[in-house]
Amino acid sequence: MTSHRIGTRDEWLAASAELLAHEKALTRMGDELAQQRRELPWVAVEKEYTLQTADGTRTLADLFDGHSQLVVYHFMFGPEYEGGCPTCSSTADSFNGVLAHLKACDVTMICVSRAPIEKLVAYRERMGWSFNWASSHESDFNFDYGVSARARMHVPAVPQLEANELALLKVLNEQPAVREHLPLITGQNAGATGTNLEGYFSEGHGVSTFAREGDSVYHCYSSYARGTEFLMGYYAILDRAPRGRHEGDQPMSWLHRHDEYGDA
């Protein structure tokens, strides 16, 4: 016997109608937010970033690959990592299959990480992905967009952009007791990448978008933490499944790389 509330078809129809009104309101609000994102002022990218790809050295402008819009997923894979972040890997699983559709809309989507290109290419092959993956190992790109921790002596006086992981790294250094209260997934991911918590949180995840007009490149938008959840397609599906995410007080502790689930 189920412990969930049981109702009649008429009760279900009435509750569904009320829910649908809320869902439509949320959709309209999402449309308004999308418009606000598009209306953000663009910031000219004045630094000449040089990144490494499987096909050689490329500038940020080159990575647009002939399109006028570029979406960058900041994938957590630092120079000392032995493998990519499992959570970022699950996100990449979700968007890898839509690259052709994005190109049809004049959008190129890639990943950028600070690990050397050889590590990125090997991991991409293991995971079976096809997106272009660029290494910023010899570039300031990750530092400037707030997804890699600088050495303390190089921290700018006024922070510009910063992923949540980097903010948490500072807290860990200032308040060591905090580590006792971190979600399980943080330790799991650190272990899966072959690092400790400090090493794992020296990199952050996020998404940034850029536009190109002629020879000029502009930074348009960046988001971090749950601001990237729109890329995690499985959560939208779970949110509509009968038991939802079913994570309790340990979000994402169930998550692994797609080739590590066994027969689950």
C-alpha atoms as a PDB file:
ATOM      1  CA  MET A   1       0.000   0.000   0.000  1.00  0.00           C
ATOM      2  CA  THR A   2       1.443   3.355  -1.011  1.00  0.00           C
ATOM      3  CA  SER A   3       2.054   6.053   1.581  1.00  0.00           C
ATOM      4  CA  HIS A   4       1.367   8.783  -0.996  1.00  0.00           C
ATOM      5  CA  ARG A   5      -1.955  10.602  -0.966  1.00  0.00           C
ATOM      6  CA  ILE A   6      -4.534   8.842  -3.170  1.00  0.00           C
ATOM      7  CA  GLY A   7      -7.312  10.777  -4.849  1.00  0.00           C
ATOM      8  CA  THR A   8     -10.065  10.502  -7.423  1.00  0.00           C
ATOM      9  CA  ARG A   9      -9.655  11.459 -11.079  1.00  0.00           C
ATOM     10  CA  ASP A  10     -11.666  14.642 -10.453  1.00  0.00           C
ATOM     11  CA  GLU A  11      -9.356  15.590  -7.578  1.00  0.00           C
ATOM     12  CA  TRP A  12      -6.339  14.926  -9.801  1.00  0.00           C
ATOM     13  CA  LEU A  13      -7.768  17.100 -12.603  1.00  0.00           C
ATOM     14  CA  ALA A  14      -8.446  19.989 -10.214  1.00  0.00           C
ATOM     15  CA  ALA A  15      -4.958  19.801  -8.668  1.00  0.00           C
ATOM     16  CA  SER A  16      -3.366  19.498 -12.112  1.00  0.00           C
ATOM     17  CA  ALA A  17      -5.179  22.602 -13.339  1.00  0.00           C
ATOM     18  CA  GLU A  18      -3.865  24.576 -10.372  1.00  0.00           C
ATOM     19  CA  LEU A  19      -0.336  23.248 -10.957  1.00  0.00           C
ATOM     20  CA  LEU A  20      -0.525  24.091 -14.668  1.00  0.00           C
ATOM     21  CA  ALA A  21      -1.307  27.723 -13.834  1.00  0.00           C
ATOM     22  CA  HIS A  22       1.844  27.894 -11.706  1.00  0.00           C
ATOM     23  CA  GLU A  23       3.905  26.140 -14.399  1.00  0.00           C
ATOM     24  CA  LYS A  24       2.733  28.635 -17.038  1.00  0.00           C
ATOM     25  CA  ALA A  25       3.617  31.540 -14.740  1.00  0.00           C
ATOM     26  CA  LEU A  26       7.088  30.065 -14.225  1.00  0.00           C
ATOM     27  CA  THR A  27       7.511  29.653 -17.994  1.00  0.00           C
ATOM     28  CA  ARG A  28       6.572  33.291 -18.588  1.00  0.00           C
ATOM     29  CA  MET A  29       8.980  34.385 -15.853  1.00  0.00           C
ATOM     30  CA  GLY A  30      11.694  32.294 -17.522  1.00  0.00           C
ATOM     31  CA  ASP A  31      11.009  34.078 -20.812  1.00  0.00           C
ATOM     32  CA  GLU A  32      11.385  37.439 -19.063  1.00  0.00           C
ATOM     33  CA  LEU A  33      14.675  36.388 -17.459  1.00  0.00           C
ATOM     34  CA  ALA A  34      15.985  35.208 -20.824  1.00  0.00           C
ATOM     35  CA  GLN A  35      15.210  38.632 -22.254  1.00  0.00           C
ATOM     36  CA  GLN A  36      17.055  40.293 -19.370  1.00  0.00           C
ATOM     37  CA  ARG A  37      20.098  38.101 -20.055  1.00  0.00           C
ATOM     38  CA  ARG A  38      20.091  39.152 -23.695  1.00  0.00           C
ATOM     39  CA  GLU A  39      19.863  42.816 -22.668  1.00  0.00           C
ATOM     40  CA  LEU A  40      22.944  42.710 -20.428  1.00  0.00           C
ATOM     41  CA  PRO A  41      25.681  45.087 -21.639  1.00  0.00           C
ATOM     42  CA  TRP A  42      28.521  43.345 -23.451  1.00  0.00           C
ATOM     43  CA  VAL A  43      32.080  43.768 -22.239  1.00  0.00           C
ATOM     44  CA  ALA A  44      34.852  43.821 -24.814  1.00  0.00           C
ATOM     45  CA  VAL A  45      37.436  41.051 -24.351  1.00  0.00           C
ATOM     46  CA  GLU A  46      40.676  42.974 -24.705  1.00  0.00           C
ATOM     47  CA  LYS A  47      43.128  40.261 -23.633  1.00  0.00           C
ATOM     48  CA  GLU A  48      44.408  37.895 -26.325  1.00  0.00           C
ATOM     49  CA  TYR A  49      43.805  34.445 -24.855  1.00  0.00           C
ATOM     50  CA  THR A  50      45.696  31.526 -26.374  1.00  0.00           C
ATOM     51  CA  LEU A  51      44.345  28.050 -25.665  1.00  0.00           C
ATOM     52  CA  GLN A  52      45.392  24.561 -26.709  1.00  0.00           C
ATOM     53  CA  THR A  53      43.077  22.152 -28.535  1.00  0.00           C
ATOM     54  CA  ALA A  54      43.474  18.743 -30.121  1.00  0.00           C
ATOM     55  CA  ASP A  55      43.975  20.604 -33.421  1.00  0.00           C
ATOM     56  CA  GLY A  56      46.605  22.982 -32.093  1.00  0.00           C
ATOM     57  CA  THR A  57      46.780  26.465 -30.625  1.00  0.00           C
ATOM     58  CA  ARG A  58      43.650  28.610 -30.920  1.00  0.00           C
ATOM     59  CA  THR A  59      42.659  32.099 -29.812  1.00  0.00           C
ATOM     60  CA  LEU A  60      39.311  32.700 -28.146  1.00  0.00           C
ATOM     61  CA  ALA A  61      38.060  34.177 -31.421  1.00  0.00           C
ATOM     62  CA  ASP A  62      39.132  31.026 -33.279  1.00  0.00           C
ATOM     63  CA  LEU A  63      37.020  28.882 -30.945  1.00  0.00           C
ATOM     64  CA  PHE A  64      33.824  30.414 -32.327  1.00  0.00           C
ATOM     65  CA  ASP A  65      34.494  28.106 -35.303  1.00  0.00           C
ATOM     66  CA  GLY A  66      32.818  30.398 -37.824  1.00  0.00           C
ATOM     67  CA  HIS A  67      29.762  31.230 -35.707  1.00  0.00           C
ATOM     68  CA  SER A  68      28.908  34.509 -34.018  1.00  0.00           C
ATOM     69  CA  GLN A  69      28.099  33.075 -30.574  1.00  0.00           C
ATOM     70  CA  LEU A  70      30.190  30.949 -28.232  1.00  0.00           C
ATOM     71  CA  VAL A  71      29.040  29.111 -25.102  1.00  0.00           C
ATOM     72  CA  VAL A  72      31.819  27.929 -22.791  1.00  0.00           C
ATOM     73  CA  TYR A  73      31.228  25.350 -20.094  1.00  0.00           C
ATOM     74  CA  HIS A  74      33.909  25.756 -17.440  1.00  0.00           C
ATOM     75  CA  PHE A  75      34.619  22.082 -16.748  1.00  0.00           C
ATOM     76  CA  MET A  76      36.401  21.267 -13.464  1.00  0.00           C
ATOM     77  CA  PHE A  77      39.570  19.487 -14.551  1.00  0.00           C
ATOM     78  CA  GLY A  78      42.681  21.015 -12.992  1.00  0.00           C
ATOM     79  CA  PRO A  79      46.305  20.292 -13.880  1.00  0.00           C
ATOM     80  CA  GLU A  80      46.670  17.977 -10.873  1.00  0.00           C
ATOM     81  CA  TYR A  81      43.381  16.118 -11.430  1.00  0.00           C
ATOM     82  CA  GLU A  82      43.649  12.492 -12.531  1.00  0.00           C
ATOM     83  CA  GLY A  83      40.181  12.630 -14.116  1.00  0.00           C
ATOM     84  CA  GLY A  84      37.401  15.108 -14.775  1.00  0.00           C
ATOM     85  CA  CYS A  85      34.887  16.089 -12.096  1.00  0.00           C
ATOM     86  CA  PRO A  86      32.045  13.509 -12.075  1.00  0.00           C
ATOM     87  CA  THR A  87      29.389  16.209 -11.725  1.00  0.00           C
ATOM     88  CA  CYS A  88      30.807  18.197 -14.636  1.00  0.00           C
ATOM     89  CA  SER A  89      30.991  14.923 -16.562  1.00  0.00           C
ATOM     90  CA  SER A  90      27.276  14.323 -16.030  1.00  0.00           C
ATOM     91  CA  THR A  91      26.608  17.836 -17.280  1.00  0.00           C
ATOM     92  CA  ALA A  92      28.707  17.212 -20.390  1.00  0.00           C
ATOM     93  CA  ASP A  93      26.693  14.043 -21.018  1.00  0.00           C
ATOM     94  CA  SER A  94      23.599  16.232 -21.161  1.00  0.00           C
ATOM     95  CA  PHE A  95      24.783  18.809 -23.702  1.00  0.00           C
ATOM     96  CA  ASN A  96      27.100  16.747 -25.909  1.00  0.00           C
ATOM     97  CA  GLY A  97      24.166  15.454 -27.947  1.00  0.00           C
ATOM     98  CA  VAL A  98      22.747  18.882 -28.831  1.00  0.00           C
ATOM     99  CA  LEU A  99      25.835  20.453 -30.425  1.00  0.00           C
ATOM    100  CA  ALA A 100      24.494  20.145 -33.993  1.00  0.00           C
ATOM    101  CA  HIS A 101      21.251  21.866 -33.009  1.00  0.00           C
ATOM    102  CA  LEU A 102      23.188  24.730 -31.417  1.00  0.00           C
ATOM    103  CA  LYS A 103      25.317  25.145 -34.541  1.00  0.00           C
ATOM    104  CA  ALA A 104      22.126  25.408 -36.574  1.00  0.00           C
ATOM    105  CA  CYS A 105      21.337  28.466 -34.433  1.00  0.00           C
ATOM    106  CA  ASP A 106      24.779  30.023 -34.985  1.00  0.00           C
ATOM    107  CA  VAL A 107      26.090  28.864 -31.574  1.00  0.00           C
ATOM    108  CA  THR A 108      29.282  26.927 -30.896  1.00  0.00           C
ATOM    109  CA  MET A 109      29.520  25.214 -27.501  1.00  0.00           C
ATOM    110  CA  ILE A 110      32.817  23.998 -26.067  1.00  0.00           C
ATOM    111  CA  CYS A 111      34.446  23.146 -22.749  1.00  0.00           C
ATOM    112  CA  VAL A 112      37.490  24.849 -21.293  1.00  0.00           C
ATOM    113  CA  SER A 113      39.600  23.436 -18.444  1.00  0.00           C
ATOM    114  CA  ARG A 114      43.039  24.143 -17.024  1.00  0.00           C
ATOM    115  CA  ALA A 115      44.412  20.598 -17.318  1.00  0.00           C
ATOM    116  CA  PRO A 116      46.922  19.996 -20.137  1.00  0.00           C
ATOM    117  CA  ILE A 117      45.294  19.163 -23.456  1.00  0.00           C
ATOM    118  CA  GLU A 118      46.624  15.588 -23.426  1.00  0.00           C
ATOM    119  CA  LYS A 119      44.608  14.826 -20.280  1.00  0.00           C
ATOM    120  CA  LEU A 120      41.482  16.434 -21.690  1.00  0.00           C
ATOM    121  CA  VAL A 121      41.622  14.550 -24.981  1.00  0.00           C
ATOM    122  CA  ALA A 122      42.198  11.202 -23.256  1.00  0.00           C
ATOM    123  CA  TYR A 123      39.278  11.757 -20.889  1.00  0.00           C
ATOM    124  CA  ARG A 124      37.013  12.936 -23.710  1.00  0.00           C
ATOM    125  CA  GLU A 125      37.773   9.734 -25.592  1.00  0.00           C
ATOM    126  CA  ARG A 126      36.994   7.647 -22.518  1.00  0.00           C
ATOM    127  CA  MET A 127      33.638   9.400 -22.067  1.00  0.00           C
ATOM    128  CA  GLY A 128      32.718   9.234 -25.761  1.00  0.00           C
ATOM    129  CA  TRP A 129      32.105  12.964 -26.203  1.00  0.00           C
ATOM    130  CA  SER A 130      32.549  14.969 -29.394  1.00  0.00           C
ATOM    131  CA  PHE A 131      32.627  18.626 -28.239  1.00  0.00           C
ATOM    132  CA  ASN A 132      35.760  20.695 -28.703  1.00  0.00           C
ATOM    133  CA  TRP A 133      37.721  20.906 -25.445  1.00  0.00           C
ATOM    134  CA  ALA A 134      40.307  23.610 -24.984  1.00  0.00           C
ATOM    135  CA  SER A 135      43.050  23.790 -22.370  1.00  0.00           C
ATOM    136  CA  SER A 136      43.754  27.122 -20.698  1.00  0.00           C
ATOM    137  CA  HIS A 137      46.796  25.654 -18.963  1.00  0.00           C
ATOM    138  CA  GLU A 138      49.106  28.351 -20.350  1.00  0.00           C
ATOM    139  CA  SER A 139      46.504  31.125 -20.302  1.00  0.00           C
ATOM    140  CA  ASP A 140      44.834  33.483 -17.802  1.00  0.00           C
ATOM    141  CA  PHE A 141      41.399  32.579 -19.145  1.00  0.00           C
ATOM    142  CA  ASN A 142      40.273  30.441 -16.184  1.00  0.00           C
ATOM    143  CA  PHE A 143      41.627  32.926 -13.669  1.00  0.00           C
ATOM    144  CA  ASP A 144      39.972  35.900 -15.341  1.00  0.00           C
ATOM    145  CA  TYR A 145      36.576  34.181 -15.488  1.00  0.00           C
ATOM    146  CA  GLY A 146      36.698  33.059 -11.873  1.00  0.00           C
ATOM    147  CA  VAL A 147      36.999  29.291 -12.259  1.00  0.00           C
ATOM    148  CA  SER A 148      40.596  28.645 -11.151  1.00  0.00           C
ATOM    149  CA  ALA A 149      42.244  29.793  -7.938  1.00  0.00           C
ATOM    150  CA  ARG A 150      45.240  32.059  -8.298  1.00  0.00           C
ATOM    151  CA  ALA A 151      48.212  31.966  -5.973  1.00  0.00           C
ATOM    152  CA  ARG A 152      47.447  34.186  -2.991  1.00  0.00           C
ATOM    153  CA  MET A 153      49.964  36.826  -4.101  1.00  0.00           C
ATOM    154  CA  HIS A 154      48.110  37.226  -7.397  1.00  0.00           C
ATOM    155  CA  VAL A 155      44.576  37.648  -6.007  1.00  0.00           C
ATOM    156  CA  PRO A 156      43.146  40.918  -7.372  1.00  0.00           C
ATOM    157  CA  ALA A 157      42.130  43.524  -4.793  1.00  0.00           C
ATOM    158  CA  VAL A 158      38.558  43.581  -6.077  1.00  0.00           C
ATOM    159  CA  PRO A 159      37.164  40.152  -7.112  1.00  0.00           C
ATOM    160  CA  GLN A 160      35.403  40.221 -10.468  1.00  0.00           C
ATOM    161  CA  LEU A 161      33.946  36.793 -11.222  1.00  0.00           C
ATOM    162  CA  GLU A 162      34.185  33.823  -8.888  1.00  0.00           C
ATOM    163  CA  ALA A 163      32.787  30.300  -8.950  1.00  0.00           C
ATOM    164  CA  ASN A 164      31.290  29.007  -5.710  1.00  0.00           C
ATOM    165  CA  GLU A 165      34.019  26.385  -5.352  1.00  0.00           C
ATOM    166  CA  LEU A 166      36.708  29.066  -5.158  1.00  0.00           C
ATOM    167  CA  ALA A 167      34.719  30.956  -2.534  1.00  0.00           C
ATOM    168  CA  LEU A 168      34.406  27.737  -0.546  1.00  0.00           C
ATOM    169  CA  LEU A 169      38.156  27.148  -0.835  1.00  0.00           C
ATOM    170  CA  LYS A 170      38.719  30.453   0.965  1.00  0.00           C
ATOM    171  CA  VAL A 171      36.278  29.421   3.699  1.00  0.00           C
ATOM    172  CA  LEU A 172      38.062  26.082   4.131  1.00  0.00           C
ATOM    173  CA  ASN A 173      41.359  27.884   4.601  1.00  0.00           C
ATOM    174  CA  GLU A 174      39.885  30.360   7.080  1.00  0.00           C
ATOM    175  CA  GLN A 175      37.504  27.997   8.917  1.00  0.00           C
ATOM    176  CA  PRO A 176      38.837  24.405   8.752  1.00  0.00           C
ATOM    177  CA  ALA A 177      35.924  23.085  10.823  1.00  0.00           C
ATOM    178  CA  VAL A 178      33.607  23.744   7.878  1.00  0.00           C
ATOM    179  CA  ARG A 179      34.890  20.609   6.120  1.00  0.00           C
ATOM    180  CA  GLU A 180      33.052  18.464   8.689  1.00  0.00           C
ATOM    181  CA  HIS A 181      29.719  19.777   7.406  1.00  0.00           C
ATOM    182  CA  LEU A 182      30.254  19.581   3.661  1.00  0.00           C
ATOM    183  CA  PRO A 183      27.901  17.417   1.552  1.00  0.00           C
ATOM    184  CA  LEU A 184      29.138  13.889   0.836  1.00  0.00           C
ATOM    185  CA  ILE A 185      29.404  14.628  -2.880  1.00  0.00           C
ATOM    186  CA  THR A 186      32.309  17.032  -2.314  1.00  0.00           C
ATOM    187  CA  GLY A 187      34.529  14.344  -0.805  1.00  0.00           C
ATOM    188  CA  GLN A 188      33.367  11.801  -3.361  1.00  0.00           C
ATOM    189  CA  ASN A 189      34.217  14.101  -6.256  1.00  0.00           C
ATOM    190  CA  ALA A 190      37.578  15.048  -4.764  1.00  0.00           C
ATOM    191  CA  GLY A 191      38.472  11.364  -4.444  1.00  0.00           C
ATOM    192  CA  ALA A 192      37.228  10.586  -7.941  1.00  0.00           C
ATOM    193  CA  THR A 193      39.482  13.277  -9.390  1.00  0.00           C
ATOM    194  CA  GLY A 194      42.502  12.052  -7.434  1.00  0.00           C
ATOM    195  CA  THR A 195      42.731  15.181  -5.277  1.00  0.00           C
ATOM    196  CA  ASN A 196      41.862  16.342  -1.767  1.00  0.00           C
ATOM    197  CA  LEU A 197      39.245  18.981  -0.966  1.00  0.00           C
ATOM    198  CA  GLU A 198      41.686  21.874  -1.377  1.00  0.00           C
ATOM    199  CA  GLY A 199      42.867  20.549  -4.719  1.00  0.00           C
ATOM    200  CA  TYR A 200      39.334  19.871  -5.907  1.00  0.00           C
ATOM    201  CA  PHE A 201      38.044  23.325  -4.921  1.00  0.00           C
ATOM    202  CA  SER A 202      40.954  25.061  -6.626  1.00  0.00           C
ATOM    203  CA  GLU A 203      38.827  24.704  -9.764  1.00  0.00           C
ATOM    204  CA  GLY A 204      35.237  25.792 -10.287  1.00  0.00           C
ATOM    205  CA  HIS A 205      32.426  25.137 -12.735  1.00  0.00           C
ATOM    206  CA  GLY A 206      30.273  27.601 -14.592  1.00  0.00           C
ATOM    207  CA  VAL A 207      29.060  28.740 -17.973  1.00  0.00           C
ATOM    208  CA  SER A 208      30.051  31.866 -19.905  1.00  0.00           C
ATOM    209  CA  THR A 209      28.818  33.208 -23.220  1.00  0.00           C
ATOM    210  CA  PHE A 210      30.573  35.358 -25.779  1.00  0.00           C
ATOM    211  CA  ALA A 211      29.634  37.152 -28.981  1.00  0.00           C
ATOM    212  CA  ARG A 212      31.793  37.989 -31.976  1.00  0.00           C
ATOM    213  CA  GLU A 213      31.258  40.855 -34.383  1.00  0.00           C
ATOM    214  CA  GLY A 214      34.002  41.237 -36.942  1.00  0.00           C
ATOM    215  CA  ASP A 215      37.323  40.946 -35.149  1.00  0.00           C
ATOM    216  CA  SER A 216      35.849  41.956 -31.784  1.00  0.00           C
ATOM    217  CA  VAL A 217      34.872  39.470 -29.055  1.00  0.00           C
ATOM    218  CA  TYR A 218      32.560  40.360 -26.178  1.00  0.00           C
ATOM    219  CA  HIS A 219      31.780  38.689 -22.857  1.00  0.00           C
ATOM    220  CA  CYS A 220      28.010  38.556 -22.493  1.00  0.00           C
ATOM    221  CA  TYR A 221      27.001  36.383 -19.523  1.00  0.00           C
ATOM    222  CA  SER A 222      28.386  34.101 -16.817  1.00  0.00           C
ATOM    223  CA  SER A 223      26.704  31.914 -14.220  1.00  0.00           C
ATOM    224  CA  TYR A 224      27.913  29.519 -11.557  1.00  0.00           C
ATOM    225  CA  ALA A 225      26.649  26.904  -9.059  1.00  0.00           C
ATOM    226  CA  ARG A 226      22.920  26.167  -9.596  1.00  0.00           C
ATOM    227  CA  GLY A 227      22.959  28.746 -12.354  1.00  0.00           C
ATOM    228  CA  THR A 228      24.309  25.936 -14.550  1.00  0.00           C
ATOM    229  CA  GLU A 229      21.602  23.433 -13.595  1.00  0.00           C
ATOM    230  CA  PHE A 230      19.748  24.136 -16.845  1.00  0.00           C
ATOM    231  CA  LEU A 231      22.493  22.105 -18.549  1.00  0.00           C
ATOM    232  CA  MET A 232      21.851  19.038 -16.362  1.00  0.00           C
ATOM    233  CA  GLY A 233      19.015  17.503 -18.341  1.00  0.00           C
ATOM    234  CA  TYR A 234      18.527  14.583 -15.979  1.00  0.00           C
ATOM    235  CA  TYR A 235      17.378  16.880 -13.179  1.00  0.00           C
ATOM    236  CA  ALA A 236      14.523  18.286 -15.258  1.00  0.00           C
ATOM    237  CA  ILE A 237      13.401  14.695 -15.883  1.00  0.00           C
ATOM    238  CA  LEU A 238      13.777  13.692 -12.221  1.00  0.00           C
ATOM    239  CA  ASP A 239      11.770  16.748 -11.155  1.00  0.00           C
ATOM    240  CA  ARG A 240       8.843  15.279 -13.106  1.00  0.00           C
ATOM    241  CA  ALA A 241       9.315  11.686 -11.967  1.00  0.00           C
ATOM    242  CA  PRO A 242       6.920  10.500  -9.216  1.00  0.00           C
ATOM    243  CA  ARG A 243       9.536  10.637  -6.431  1.00  0.00           C
ATOM    244  CA  GLY A 244      11.504  13.594  -7.794  1.00  0.00           C
ATOM    245  CA  ARG A 245      15.195  13.886  -7.031  1.00  0.00           C
ATOM    246  CA  HIS A 246      14.790  11.775  -3.896  1.00  0.00           C
ATOM    247  CA  GLU A 247      18.133  13.016  -2.553  1.00  0.00           C
ATOM    248  CA  GLY A 248      17.226  13.824   1.042  1.00  0.00           C
ATOM    249  CA  ASP A 249      19.836  15.991   2.744  1.00  0.00           C
ATOM    250  CA  GLN A 250      22.704  14.704   0.574  1.00  0.00           C
ATOM    251  CA  PRO A 251      22.230  16.162  -2.924  1.00  0.00           C
ATOM    252  CA  MET A 252      23.998  14.378  -5.770  1.00  0.00           C
ATOM    253  CA  SER A 253      25.592  11.746  -3.516  1.00  0.00           C
ATOM    254  CA  TRP A 254      24.196   9.115  -5.926  1.00  0.00           C
ATOM    255  CA  LEU A 255      25.995  10.586  -8.936  1.00  0.00           C
ATOM    256  CA  HIS A 256      28.916   8.925 -10.749  1.00  0.00           C
ATOM    257  CA  ARG A 257      30.493   9.085 -14.187  1.00  0.00           C
ATOM    258  CA  HIS A 258      28.302   7.301 -16.713  1.00  0.00           C
ATOM    259  CA  ASP A 259      30.733   4.392 -17.076  1.00  0.00           C
ATOM    260  CA  GLU A 260      30.939   3.777 -13.304  1.00  0.00           C
ATOM    261  CA  TYR A 261      27.378   2.737 -12.466  1.00  0.00           C
ATOM    262  CA  GLY A 262      27.865  -0.938 -13.198  1.00  0.00           C
ATOM    263  CA  ASP A 263      24.515  -2.712 -13.623  1.00  0.00           C
ATOM    264  CA  ALA A 264      22.496  -0.126 -11.686  1.00  0.00           C
END
